[in-house]
Amino acid sequence: MRVLLAVLLALVLHPVAHAEEWPAWRGPQGTGVSEAKTAPLHWSQDQNIAWSIDLPGPGNSTPIVFGGKLFVTCASPDGKTRGLYCFDAKTGARLWAQEVTYNDPEPTHNTNPACSASPTTDGQHVVVSHGSAGLFCYDLAGKEQWKKDLGKLEHIWGNASSPVIYKDLVIVNVGPGLNVGVVALDKKSGNEVWRQEYPEMRSTKLEEYRGSWSTPVVFREGSRDVLLLALPQTFRAVDPATGETVWSCDGASKLCYGSPLLAGDVIVTMCGFHGPAMAIRSGGRGDVTATHRLWIHEQKNPQRVGSGVVVDGKVYILNDDGVAWCIDAASGEIHWKHRLGGSSWSSALAVAGRVYFTNMAGVTYVIEPSATECKVLATNALDGKTMRASPVIWDGRLYLRTYEKLWCVAEKQ
């Protein structure tokens, strides 16, 4: 009895530490920022690799991890087979797979294979977008719960936006191209709850350089939640329960790739294809362009596909050209630019007091956040194959996805 009491007392005084879950694209808050205190710093082909497994096809989507299960989407090279795959996050053992077939042609760019969207989970449901094949919901054991046809997605560069779970809703940025809108479905049934098509979203033709590949972010703005939408020409904060616009800010270009970034009450959004970057002070109503837009960089911006992270009010981003920038979120001041190398479409990860950038060649740069210089702590190379997915942290392990493999990095204690 004394032993049992001692064990119970120890559990009360020293609770068991649970791994921070990574349940969605860019983690718990959709920002790429983790609260974890430890993360691998050094690895290579032969160092600190816990496991690696071959994937059935190429892809740009990023894994998620919940409850020790890793979920990742993948398509066959011809895009006709599209699947959600579940692995044991600690061992790499495949637990189950759910595949669907889509035989109709779906336009995309050769750098953007089918299944670019990441899955999302609330710990009971796993929801995944397979583009024109539809939206699918499974339980954590892989049993299908529902599916929803959202129409054919047509754009010359394909699609990429990942679904978002908000309370009892699954919210999807549908598009880009001719079939567009933001749609909310009932999480349990898949029934449509609301649909909004904002006028700037729709292309006039399949080849038009217009659209949003950005995944929405839920943001607590004072006493209300808003859904942040990086859309062509107009950035919007909408009511996630209805899709009605709460406030909007002009200044975006016609092409939006990255997710919104959060720095306290400041929201930073960066457009793609050399488009502008700007910051907005949250909390407004209606058109806040004149009252809440803090700054805008309109000229000489690099191509940006991946999203940055915010650490201590500074935005850190690795641009497509392999040059990292540090930008003050509130003022827009560019503190430094530093060439790391290669070309990058991946989004950054902030964890354990570091920032992780990956490039297409499978190289991960680890830097120390600083407004005065780009201090590189480590440069870690894998197999030199295509990597456009972003790094994921779970239980002290780092997960990296190339076109050929899924890697688990774990430093030996």
Protein backbone atom coordinates (compact mmCIF):
# COMPACT_ATOMS: atom_id res chain seq x y z
CA MET A 1 0.00 0.00 0.00
CA ARG A 2 2.82 2.38 0.85
CA VAL A 3 4.42 1.66 -2.51
CA LEU A 4 1.14 2.34 -4.32
CA LEU A 5 0.65 5.60 -2.43
CA ALA A 6 4.20 6.65 -3.25
CA VAL A 7 3.63 5.97 -6.96
CA LEU A 8 0.35 7.91 -6.97
CA LEU A 9 1.97 10.82 -5.13
CA ALA A 10 4.83 10.86 -7.63
CA LEU A 11 2.35 10.99 -10.52
CA VAL A 12 0.54 13.93 -8.91
CA LEU A 13 3.74 15.85 -8.19
CA HIS A 14 5.42 14.89 -11.46
CA PRO A 15 2.76 14.30 -14.14
CA VAL A 16 3.66 12.12 -17.09
CA ALA A 17 4.82 14.33 -19.95
CA HIS A 18 2.76 13.88 -23.10
CA ALA A 19 4.14 14.56 -26.54
CA GLU A 20 2.73 17.67 -28.19
CA GLU A 21 0.50 16.44 -30.99
CA TRP A 22 0.99 17.67 -34.55
CA PRO A 23 -2.60 17.24 -35.75
CA ALA A 24 -2.68 19.41 -38.86
CA TRP A 25 -0.70 21.23 -41.52
CA ARG A 26 1.78 23.43 -39.62
CA GLY A 27 0.91 21.97 -36.22
CA PRO A 28 -1.54 22.74 -33.40
CA GLN A 29 -2.08 26.41 -34.27
CA GLY A 30 -1.37 26.22 -37.99
CA THR A 31 1.71 28.41 -37.54
CA GLY A 32 4.66 26.00 -37.70
CA VAL A 33 5.56 26.80 -34.08
CA SER A 34 6.02 24.01 -31.54
CA GLU A 35 6.14 24.21 -27.74
CA ALA A 36 8.42 21.15 -27.57
CA LYS A 37 11.68 21.68 -25.67
CA THR A 38 13.82 19.19 -27.55
CA ALA A 39 14.45 18.43 -31.22
CA PRO A 40 17.25 16.77 -33.20
CA LEU A 41 20.06 19.09 -34.24
CA HIS A 42 22.34 16.84 -36.29
CA TRP A 43 21.63 13.99 -38.69
CA SER A 44 22.70 12.48 -42.00
CA GLN A 45 22.08 9.36 -44.06
CA ASP A 46 23.89 7.29 -41.46
CA GLN A 47 23.46 9.32 -38.30
CA ASN A 48 20.44 9.65 -36.00
CA ILE A 49 17.97 8.02 -38.41
CA ALA A 50 15.48 6.02 -36.33
CA TRP A 51 13.82 4.63 -39.46
CA SER A 52 13.06 5.38 -43.08
CA ILE A 53 10.46 3.81 -45.33
CA ASP A 54 9.68 3.92 -49.03
CA LEU A 55 6.54 5.72 -50.14
CA PRO A 56 4.25 4.47 -52.94
CA GLY A 57 4.58 7.68 -54.94
CA PRO A 58 5.87 11.27 -54.98
CA GLY A 59 4.16 14.15 -53.22
CA ASN A 60 4.43 17.58 -51.63
CA SER A 61 2.13 17.00 -48.65
CA THR A 62 3.42 17.07 -45.08
CA PRO A 63 2.65 14.32 -42.53
CA ILE A 64 0.71 14.84 -39.31
CA VAL A 65 1.16 12.90 -36.05
CA PHE A 66 -1.38 12.18 -33.34
CA GLY A 67 -1.34 9.62 -30.53
CA GLY A 68 1.70 7.86 -31.93
CA LYS A 69 0.17 7.49 -35.39
CA LEU A 70 1.60 9.26 -38.40
CA PHE A 71 -0.70 10.05 -41.34
CA VAL A 72 0.49 11.07 -44.79
CA THR A 73 -1.14 11.40 -48.22
CA CYS A 74 0.36 10.00 -51.37
CA ALA A 75 -0.67 9.43 -54.98
CA SER A 76 0.52 7.07 -57.65
CA PRO A 77 2.75 8.74 -60.26
CA ASP A 78 -0.20 9.03 -62.68
CA GLY A 79 -2.42 10.52 -59.95
CA LYS A 80 -5.18 7.94 -60.42
CA THR A 81 -4.65 6.22 -57.06
CA ARG A 82 -4.82 8.59 -54.11
CA GLY A 83 -4.30 7.37 -50.60
CA LEU A 84 -4.11 8.14 -46.90
CA TYR A 85 -1.47 6.04 -45.16
CA CYS A 86 -1.10 5.47 -41.41
CA PHE A 87 2.22 4.45 -39.81
CA ASP A 88 3.47 3.83 -36.30
CA ALA A 89 5.35 7.03 -35.57
CA LYS A 90 7.97 5.31 -33.43
CA THR A 91 8.73 2.28 -35.60
CA GLY A 92 7.61 3.20 -39.12
CA ALA A 93 5.42 0.09 -39.36
CA ARG A 94 2.46 0.59 -41.70
CA LEU A 95 -0.80 0.22 -39.78
CA TRP A 96 -3.34 0.77 -42.55
CA ALA A 97 -4.00 2.43 -45.87
CA GLN A 98 -7.11 3.79 -47.56
CA GLU A 99 -6.90 4.37 -51.30
CA VAL A 100 -9.38 5.82 -53.76
CA THR A 101 -9.36 5.87 -57.55
CA TYR A 102 -9.88 8.93 -59.73
CA ASN A 103 -9.62 8.28 -63.45
CA ASP A 104 -10.64 11.64 -64.92
CA PRO A 105 -7.84 14.01 -65.94
CA GLU A 106 -7.02 16.67 -63.35
CA PRO A 107 -4.73 19.47 -64.53
CA THR A 108 -1.65 20.26 -62.45
CA HIS A 109 1.99 21.23 -62.80
CA ASN A 110 4.62 18.50 -62.94
CA THR A 111 6.12 19.88 -59.71
CA ASN A 112 2.80 19.43 -57.89
CA PRO A 113 1.69 15.76 -57.90
CA ALA A 114 -1.81 14.83 -56.74
CA CYS A 115 -2.44 14.68 -52.98
CA SER A 116 -0.59 17.89 -52.09
CA ALA A 117 -2.95 18.56 -49.17
CA SER A 118 -2.01 17.37 -45.69
CA PRO A 119 -4.57 15.48 -43.58
CA THR A 120 -5.96 16.82 -40.31
CA THR A 121 -7.33 15.14 -37.17
CA ASP A 122 -9.13 15.94 -33.94
CA GLY A 123 -8.08 12.64 -32.34
CA GLN A 124 -11.25 10.88 -33.48
CA HIS A 125 -11.60 11.77 -37.15
CA VAL A 126 -8.92 12.01 -39.85
CA VAL A 127 -9.97 14.19 -42.77
CA VAL A 128 -8.13 14.34 -46.06
CA SER A 129 -8.61 16.15 -49.35
CA HIS A 130 -7.85 14.20 -52.50
CA GLY A 131 -8.55 17.10 -54.85
CA SER A 132 -11.15 16.31 -57.50
CA ALA A 133 -11.64 12.85 -55.95
CA GLY A 134 -13.26 14.54 -52.95
CA LEU A 135 -12.95 14.97 -49.22
CA PHE A 136 -12.78 11.81 -47.07
CA CYS A 137 -13.17 11.24 -43.34
CA TYR A 138 -11.91 8.14 -41.50
CA ASP A 139 -11.65 7.12 -37.88
CA LEU A 140 -8.19 6.51 -36.45
CA ALA A 141 -8.45 2.82 -37.29
CA GLY A 142 -8.98 3.63 -40.97
CA LYS A 143 -12.74 3.02 -41.24
CA GLU A 144 -14.45 5.42 -43.62
CA GLN A 145 -16.96 7.71 -41.90
CA TRP A 146 -18.08 9.82 -44.85
CA LYS A 147 -16.99 11.31 -48.16
CA LYS A 148 -17.93 14.50 -49.93
CA ASP A 149 -17.70 15.46 -53.58
CA LEU A 150 -16.71 19.14 -53.74
CA GLY A 151 -16.56 19.22 -57.52
CA LYS A 152 -13.73 19.03 -59.99
CA LEU A 153 -10.69 21.19 -59.21
CA GLU A 154 -9.15 22.70 -62.31
CA HIS A 155 -6.07 24.88 -62.43
CA ILE A 156 -2.91 24.51 -64.51
CA TRP A 157 -0.85 24.33 -61.27
CA GLY A 158 -3.15 21.97 -59.37
CA ASN A 159 -4.34 22.40 -55.78
CA ALA A 160 -2.78 22.20 -52.31
CA SER A 161 -4.87 23.74 -49.51
CA SER A 162 -5.39 21.41 -46.52
CA PRO A 163 -8.63 21.00 -44.57
CA VAL A 164 -9.00 22.60 -41.14
CA ILE A 165 -11.05 21.29 -38.21
CA TYR A 166 -12.80 23.96 -36.13
CA LYS A 167 -15.08 22.72 -33.35
CA ASP A 168 -17.75 20.64 -35.15
CA LEU A 169 -16.77 21.85 -38.61
CA VAL A 170 -14.35 20.82 -41.33
CA ILE A 171 -13.43 23.90 -43.36
CA VAL A 172 -11.83 23.71 -46.80
CA ASN A 173 -10.44 26.37 -49.14
CA VAL A 174 -11.71 24.87 -52.40
CA GLY A 175 -9.80 25.76 -55.54
CA PRO A 176 -8.02 27.45 -57.15
CA GLY A 177 -9.39 27.87 -60.63
CA LEU A 178 -12.93 27.65 -61.95
CA ASN A 179 -14.52 25.81 -59.01
CA VAL A 180 -13.76 27.87 -55.91
CA GLY A 181 -15.14 28.78 -52.51
CA VAL A 182 -14.65 28.23 -48.82
CA VAL A 183 -16.85 25.39 -47.58
CA ALA A 184 -17.69 24.21 -44.07
CA LEU A 185 -18.97 20.68 -43.48
CA ASP A 186 -20.36 18.97 -40.41
CA LYS A 187 -17.46 17.03 -38.93
CA LYS A 188 -19.55 13.98 -38.07
CA SER A 189 -21.72 13.65 -41.17
CA GLY A 190 -19.95 15.54 -43.97
CA ASN A 191 -23.12 17.55 -44.65
CA GLU A 192 -22.57 21.08 -45.90
CA VAL A 193 -23.13 23.77 -43.26
CA TRP A 194 -22.08 26.88 -45.16
CA ARG A 195 -20.40 27.89 -48.39
CA GLN A 196 -18.98 31.27 -49.36
CA GLU A 197 -17.51 32.27 -52.68
CA TYR A 198 -15.58 35.49 -52.31
CA PRO A 199 -15.57 37.39 -55.63
CA GLU A 200 -11.79 37.63 -55.98
CA MET A 201 -11.28 33.85 -55.81
CA ARG A 202 -12.60 32.73 -59.20
CA SER A 203 -10.48 32.54 -62.33
CA THR A 204 -11.96 33.47 -65.69
CA LYS A 205 -10.11 30.62 -67.38
CA LEU A 206 -8.09 27.59 -66.34
CA GLU A 207 -4.79 29.22 -67.36
CA GLU A 208 -5.28 32.46 -65.44
CA TYR A 209 -2.56 33.29 -62.93
CA ARG A 210 -4.98 33.67 -60.02
CA GLY A 211 -5.80 31.63 -56.97
CA SER A 212 -5.15 30.64 -53.39
CA TRP A 213 -3.29 27.50 -52.38
CA SER A 214 -3.17 28.75 -48.79
CA THR A 215 -4.52 26.77 -45.83
CA PRO A 216 -6.76 28.87 -43.52
CA VAL A 217 -5.69 29.60 -39.93
CA VAL A 218 -8.03 29.97 -36.94
CA PHE A 219 -7.06 32.97 -34.81
CA ARG A 220 -8.38 34.08 -31.43
CA GLU A 221 -9.01 37.80 -31.90
CA GLY A 222 -10.01 39.27 -28.55
CA SER A 223 -13.22 37.54 -27.51
CA ARG A 224 -13.95 36.05 -30.93
CA ASP A 225 -12.50 33.46 -33.27
CA VAL A 226 -11.82 34.42 -36.85
CA LEU A 227 -10.76 32.32 -39.81
CA LEU A 228 -7.87 33.95 -41.66
CA LEU A 229 -8.00 33.55 -45.43
CA ALA A 230 -5.13 34.54 -47.73
CA LEU A 231 -7.07 35.06 -50.96
CA PRO A 232 -6.26 36.82 -54.23
CA GLN A 233 -6.18 40.63 -53.88
CA THR A 234 -8.00 40.72 -50.53
CA PHE A 235 -6.99 39.20 -47.20
CA ARG A 236 -10.04 38.29 -45.13
CA ALA A 237 -10.91 37.44 -41.54
CA VAL A 238 -14.26 35.65 -41.52
CA ASP A 239 -16.58 34.17 -38.92
CA PRO A 240 -15.75 30.44 -38.93
CA ALA A 241 -19.34 29.59 -37.99
CA THR A 242 -20.84 31.31 -41.05
CA GLY A 243 -18.08 32.45 -43.42
CA GLU A 244 -19.30 36.04 -43.22
CA THR A 245 -16.50 38.58 -43.52
CA VAL A 246 -15.55 40.30 -40.24
CA TRP A 247 -12.81 42.45 -41.76
CA SER A 248 -10.77 42.61 -44.95
CA CYS A 249 -7.57 44.23 -46.13
CA ASP A 250 -6.51 44.97 -49.69
CA GLY A 251 -2.95 44.77 -51.00
CA ALA A 252 -2.48 41.11 -51.86
CA SER A 253 -1.66 39.95 -55.37
CA LYS A 254 -3.63 37.46 -57.46
CA LEU A 255 -1.50 34.50 -56.25
CA CYS A 256 -1.47 33.39 -52.60
CA TYR A 257 0.54 30.34 -51.53
CA GLY A 258 1.66 30.60 -47.89
CA SER A 259 -0.37 30.46 -44.70
CA PRO A 260 -0.99 33.55 -42.53
CA LEU A 261 1.61 34.15 -39.80
CA LEU A 262 0.75 35.35 -36.28
CA ALA A 263 2.79 37.73 -34.13
CA GLY A 264 0.57 38.60 -31.18
CA ASP A 265 -2.15 40.86 -32.59
CA VAL A 266 -0.25 41.29 -35.87
CA ILE A 267 -0.97 39.10 -38.89
CA VAL A 268 1.60 38.79 -41.66
CA THR A 269 0.67 37.49 -45.10
CA MET A 270 3.03 36.90 -48.02
CA CYS A 271 1.98 36.39 -51.61
CA GLY A 272 3.63 34.14 -54.15
CA PHE A 273 5.18 34.78 -57.57
CA HIS A 274 7.13 37.85 -56.35
CA GLY A 275 3.94 39.33 -54.92
CA PRO A 276 3.71 41.65 -51.92
CA ALA A 277 4.06 40.93 -48.22
CA MET A 278 2.10 42.91 -45.67
CA ALA A 279 1.11 43.06 -42.01
CA ILE A 280 -2.30 43.85 -40.54
CA ARG A 281 -3.18 44.75 -36.97
CA SER A 282 -6.10 42.56 -35.98
CA GLY A 283 -9.33 43.67 -34.34
CA GLY A 284 -10.95 45.80 -37.00
CA ARG A 285 -14.30 45.76 -38.75
CA GLY A 286 -15.09 46.10 -42.43
CA ASP A 287 -12.40 47.31 -44.82
CA VAL A 288 -9.36 47.94 -42.61
CA THR A 289 -6.85 48.74 -45.40
CA ALA A 290 -6.48 52.38 -44.37
CA THR A 291 -6.68 51.87 -40.61
CA HIS A 292 -5.03 48.55 -39.74
CA ARG A 293 -2.51 47.78 -42.47
CA LEU A 294 0.84 48.35 -40.76
CA TRP A 295 3.19 47.96 -43.72
CA ILE A 296 3.45 46.51 -47.19
CA HIS A 297 6.42 45.36 -49.28
CA GLU A 298 5.24 45.76 -52.86
CA GLN A 299 8.46 45.71 -54.87
CA LYS A 300 11.42 43.34 -55.39
CA ASN A 301 10.04 40.43 -53.43
CA PRO A 302 11.42 36.94 -54.10
CA GLN A 303 9.25 34.01 -55.10
CA ARG A 304 7.71 32.56 -51.94
CA VAL A 305 5.96 29.20 -51.87
CA GLY A 306 6.51 27.96 -48.31
CA SER A 307 5.49 29.82 -45.17
CA GLY A 308 7.74 31.33 -42.53
CA VAL A 309 7.54 31.24 -38.74
CA VAL A 310 7.36 34.00 -36.15
CA VAL A 311 9.73 33.92 -33.16
CA ASP A 312 9.80 36.85 -30.69
CA GLY A 313 8.04 39.14 -33.16
CA LYS A 314 10.38 38.34 -36.05
CA VAL A 315 9.42 36.51 -39.24
CA TYR A 316 11.94 33.94 -40.47
CA ILE A 317 11.40 32.59 -43.97
CA LEU A 318 13.43 30.69 -46.54
CA ASN A 319 12.46 31.91 -49.99
CA ASP A 320 12.33 29.90 -53.19
CA ASP A 321 15.78 31.18 -54.17
CA GLY A 322 17.43 29.70 -51.07
CA VAL A 323 17.88 33.07 -49.35
CA ALA A 324 16.56 33.35 -45.78
CA TRP A 325 15.09 36.62 -44.53
CA CYS A 326 14.42 37.99 -41.06
CA ILE A 327 11.66 40.62 -41.00
CA ASP A 328 10.22 42.57 -38.07
CA ALA A 329 6.53 41.61 -37.99
CA ALA A 330 5.31 44.94 -36.61
CA SER A 331 7.39 47.37 -38.65
CA GLY A 332 8.31 45.42 -41.79
CA GLU A 333 12.00 46.23 -41.33
CA ILE A 334 14.22 43.63 -43.00
CA HIS A 335 16.89 42.79 -40.42
CA TRP A 336 18.97 40.52 -42.62
CA LYS A 337 19.15 38.36 -45.72
CA HIS A 338 21.38 35.28 -45.89
CA ARG A 339 21.91 32.75 -48.67
CA LEU A 340 21.62 29.20 -47.37
CA GLY A 341 21.50 27.40 -50.71
CA GLY A 342 19.36 25.42 -53.08
CA SER A 343 15.73 26.17 -53.78
CA SER A 344 12.94 25.78 -51.22
CA TRP A 345 9.19 25.35 -51.28
CA SER A 346 8.97 24.02 -47.73
CA SER A 347 7.57 25.86 -44.72
CA ALA A 348 9.66 26.62 -41.66
CA LEU A 349 9.47 24.95 -38.25
CA ALA A 350 10.25 26.74 -34.97
CA VAL A 351 11.05 24.40 -32.05
CA ALA A 352 13.39 24.22 -29.07
CA GLY A 353 14.72 27.73 -29.61
CA ARG A 354 15.67 27.04 -33.24
CA VAL A 355 14.29 27.49 -36.74
CA TYR A 356 14.41 24.63 -39.24
CA PHE A 357 14.44 25.27 -43.01
CA THR A 358 14.48 22.52 -45.65
CA ASN A 359 15.21 22.78 -49.35
CA MET A 360 14.32 20.67 -52.36
CA ALA A 361 17.61 18.79 -52.29
CA GLY A 362 16.81 17.25 -48.91
CA VAL A 363 19.03 19.60 -46.91
CA THR A 364 17.79 21.00 -43.60
CA TYR A 365 19.38 24.14 -42.17
CA VAL A 366 19.00 24.80 -38.46
CA ILE A 367 19.48 28.42 -37.41
CA GLU A 368 19.39 30.33 -34.17
CA PRO A 369 16.68 33.02 -34.16
CA SER A 370 18.37 36.41 -34.05
CA ALA A 371 17.60 39.86 -35.42
CA THR A 372 21.30 40.65 -35.91
CA GLU A 373 22.61 37.75 -38.00
CA CYS A 374 21.79 34.39 -39.52
CA LYS A 375 23.66 31.99 -37.27
CA VAL A 376 23.61 28.50 -38.82
CA LEU A 377 23.81 25.81 -36.14
CA ALA A 378 23.72 22.75 -38.41
CA THR A 379 23.40 21.69 -42.04
CA ASN A 380 21.88 18.22 -42.44
CA ALA A 381 21.62 16.40 -45.78
CA LEU A 382 19.59 13.32 -46.65
CA ASP A 383 19.46 11.57 -49.99
CA GLY A 384 19.48 14.61 -52.25
CA LYS A 385 16.05 13.79 -53.70
CA THR A 386 13.11 16.13 -54.03
CA MET A 387 11.72 17.47 -50.75
CA ARG A 388 8.87 19.97 -50.87
CA ALA A 389 7.09 18.83 -47.71
CA SER A 390 7.83 20.58 -44.42
CA PRO A 391 9.48 19.27 -41.21
CA VAL A 392 7.29 17.93 -38.41
CA ILE A 393 8.18 17.50 -34.72
CA TRP A 394 6.63 14.94 -32.38
CA ASP A 395 7.93 13.44 -29.12
CA GLY A 396 11.44 14.73 -29.71
CA ARG A 397 11.56 13.22 -33.20
CA LEU A 398 11.69 15.02 -36.51
CA TYR A 399 9.79 13.68 -39.54
CA LEU A 400 10.86 14.57 -43.07
CA ARG A 401 9.22 13.54 -46.32
CA THR A 402 11.00 13.38 -49.67
CA TYR A 403 9.47 12.15 -52.91
CA GLU A 404 10.84 8.66 -52.32
CA LYS A 405 10.91 8.20 -48.55
CA LEU A 406 9.57 9.14 -45.16
CA TRP A 407 12.32 9.71 -42.59
CA CYS A 408 12.25 9.72 -38.78
CA VAL A 409 15.17 11.53 -37.15
CA ALA A 410 15.87 10.88 -33.47
CA GLU A 411 19.09 11.83 -31.70
CA LYS A 412 20.45 9.10 -29.45
CA GLN A 413 20.43 10.01 -25.78
